[in-house]
C-alpha atoms as a PDB file:
ATOM      1  CA  MET A   1      39.296  62.938  84.292  1.00  0.00           C
ATOM      2  CA  SER A   2      41.010  66.307  83.942  1.00  0.00           C
ATOM      3  CA  ARG A   3      44.201  66.810  85.861  1.00  0.00           C
ATOM      4  CA  THR A   4      46.385  69.979  86.290  1.00  0.00           C
ATOM      5  CA  ARG A   5      49.990  70.276  87.087  1.00  0.00           C
ATOM      6  CA  GLU A   6      51.624  73.584  88.058  1.00  0.00           C
ATOM      7  CA  TRP A   7      55.205  74.587  87.462  1.00  0.00           C
ATOM      8  CA  ASN A   8      57.157  77.691  87.925  1.00  0.00           C
ATOM      9  CA  ARG A   9      58.885  78.836  84.769  1.00  0.00           C
ATOM     10  CA  SER A  10      62.368  77.986  85.741  1.00  0.00           C
ATOM     11  CA  ASP A  11      61.411  74.426  86.765  1.00  0.00           C
ATOM     12  CA  ALA A  12      59.415  73.957  83.510  1.00  0.00           C
ATOM     13  CA  GLU A  13      62.424  75.130  81.500  1.00  0.00           C
ATOM     14  CA  LYS A  14      64.613  72.624  83.252  1.00  0.00           C
ATOM     15  CA  ASP A  15      62.142  69.728  82.971  1.00  0.00           C
ATOM     16  CA  ILE A  16      60.609  70.437  79.605  1.00  0.00           C
ATOM     17  CA  ALA A  17      60.462  66.776  78.689  1.00  0.00           C
ATOM     18  CA  ASP A  18      58.357  66.136  81.868  1.00  0.00           C
ATOM     19  CA  VAL A  19      56.128  69.081  81.044  1.00  0.00           C
ATOM     20  CA  LEU A  20      55.400  67.895  77.479  1.00  0.00           C
ATOM     21  CA  ASN A  21      54.991  64.192  78.575  1.00  0.00           C
ATOM     22  CA  ASP A  22      52.537  65.154  81.353  1.00  0.00           C
ATOM     23  CA  ALA A  23      50.608  67.265  78.794  1.00  0.00           C
ATOM     24  CA  LYS A  24      50.374  64.362  76.471  1.00  0.00           C
ATOM     25  CA  THR A  25      48.762  62.167  79.123  1.00  0.00           C
ATOM     26  CA  GLY A  26      45.918  64.684  79.258  1.00  0.00           C
ATOM     27  CA  ALA A  27      47.107  66.823  82.246  1.00  0.00           C
ATOM     28  CA  LEU A  28      46.859  70.571  81.692  1.00  0.00           C
ATOM     29  CA  GLN A  29      50.209  72.201  82.468  1.00  0.00           C
ATOM     30  CA  LEU A  30      50.151  75.622  84.144  1.00  0.00           C
ATOM     31  CA  ILE A  31      53.512  77.407  84.042  1.00  0.00           C
ATOM     32  CA  LYS A  32      53.579  80.367  86.371  1.00  0.00           C
ATOM     33  CA  ASP A  33      55.658  83.427  85.205  1.00  0.00           C
ATOM     34  CA  VAL A  34      55.942  86.992  86.326  1.00  0.00           C
ATOM     35  CA  GLY A  35      52.704  88.707  85.326  1.00  0.00           C
ATOM     36  CA  GLY A  36      50.775  85.682  84.201  1.00  0.00           C
ATOM     37  CA  THR A  37      50.494  81.965  83.562  1.00  0.00           C
ATOM     38  CA  PHE A  38      51.048  79.848  80.480  1.00  0.00           C
ATOM     39  CA  GLU A  39      48.634  77.000  79.776  1.00  0.00           C
ATOM     40  CA  LEU A  40      49.899  74.099  77.979  1.00  0.00           C
ATOM     41  CA  ARG A  41      47.552  71.375  76.642  1.00  0.00           C
ATOM     42  CA  PHE A  42      48.279  68.542  74.226  1.00  0.00           C
ATOM     43  CA  ILE A  43      45.669  68.289  71.433  1.00  0.00           C
ATOM     44  CA  LYS A  44      45.640  64.881  69.753  1.00  0.00           C
ATOM     45  CA  ASP A  45      45.763  64.926  65.978  1.00  0.00           C
ATOM     46  CA  PRO A  46      42.327  63.912  64.763  1.00  0.00           C
ATOM     47  CA  GLY A  47      43.833  61.643  62.220  1.00  0.00           C
ATOM     48  CA  SER A  48      45.971  59.750  64.693  1.00  0.00           C
ATOM     49  CA  LYS A  49      45.013  56.277  65.820  1.00  0.00           C
ATOM     50  CA  ARG A  50      43.460  55.539  69.261  1.00  0.00           C
ATOM     51  CA  SER A  51      45.638  53.931  71.829  1.00  0.00           C
ATOM     52  CA  THR A  52      45.033  50.239  72.671  1.00  0.00           C
ATOM     53  CA  ALA A  53      43.586  51.248  76.055  1.00  0.00           C
ATOM     54  CA  GLU A  54      41.068  53.545  74.329  1.00  0.00           C
ATOM     55  CA  PHE A  55      40.150  50.935  71.792  1.00  0.00           C
ATOM     56  CA  LEU A  56      39.585  48.219  74.462  1.00  0.00           C
ATOM     57  CA  ALA A  57      37.683  50.638  76.765  1.00  0.00           C
ATOM     58  CA  ARG A  58      35.226  51.356  73.977  1.00  0.00           C
ATOM     59  CA  GLY A  59      33.803  47.814  74.028  1.00  0.00           C
ATOM     60  CA  GLY A  60      32.571  45.789  71.051  1.00  0.00           C
ATOM     61  CA  PRO A  61      32.838  46.526  67.385  1.00  0.00           C
ATOM     62  CA  SER A  62      30.425  49.026  65.836  1.00  0.00           C
ATOM     63  CA  ASP A  63      28.890  48.786  62.424  1.00  0.00           C
ATOM     64  CA  ASP A  64      31.400  51.196  60.889  1.00  0.00           C
ATOM     65  CA  GLU A  65      34.458  49.199  62.101  1.00  0.00           C
ATOM     66  CA  THR A  66      33.499  45.800  60.902  1.00  0.00           C
ATOM     67  CA  THR A  67      34.802  44.403  57.592  1.00  0.00           C
END
């Protein structure tokens, strides 16, 4: 599910930790500025491990994950 959160620039600057944390949860961050909009999206490092929730949601083991 893709979510979007909109900020004005001054609020985003004041609450940068919230902006970044929200982006990390998968929510696109739109930061409105004079003349345009910044889009901020967190892109997970392909080498990073899956979260426990992602692992459990996947179901049983596959052939490539058994030892």
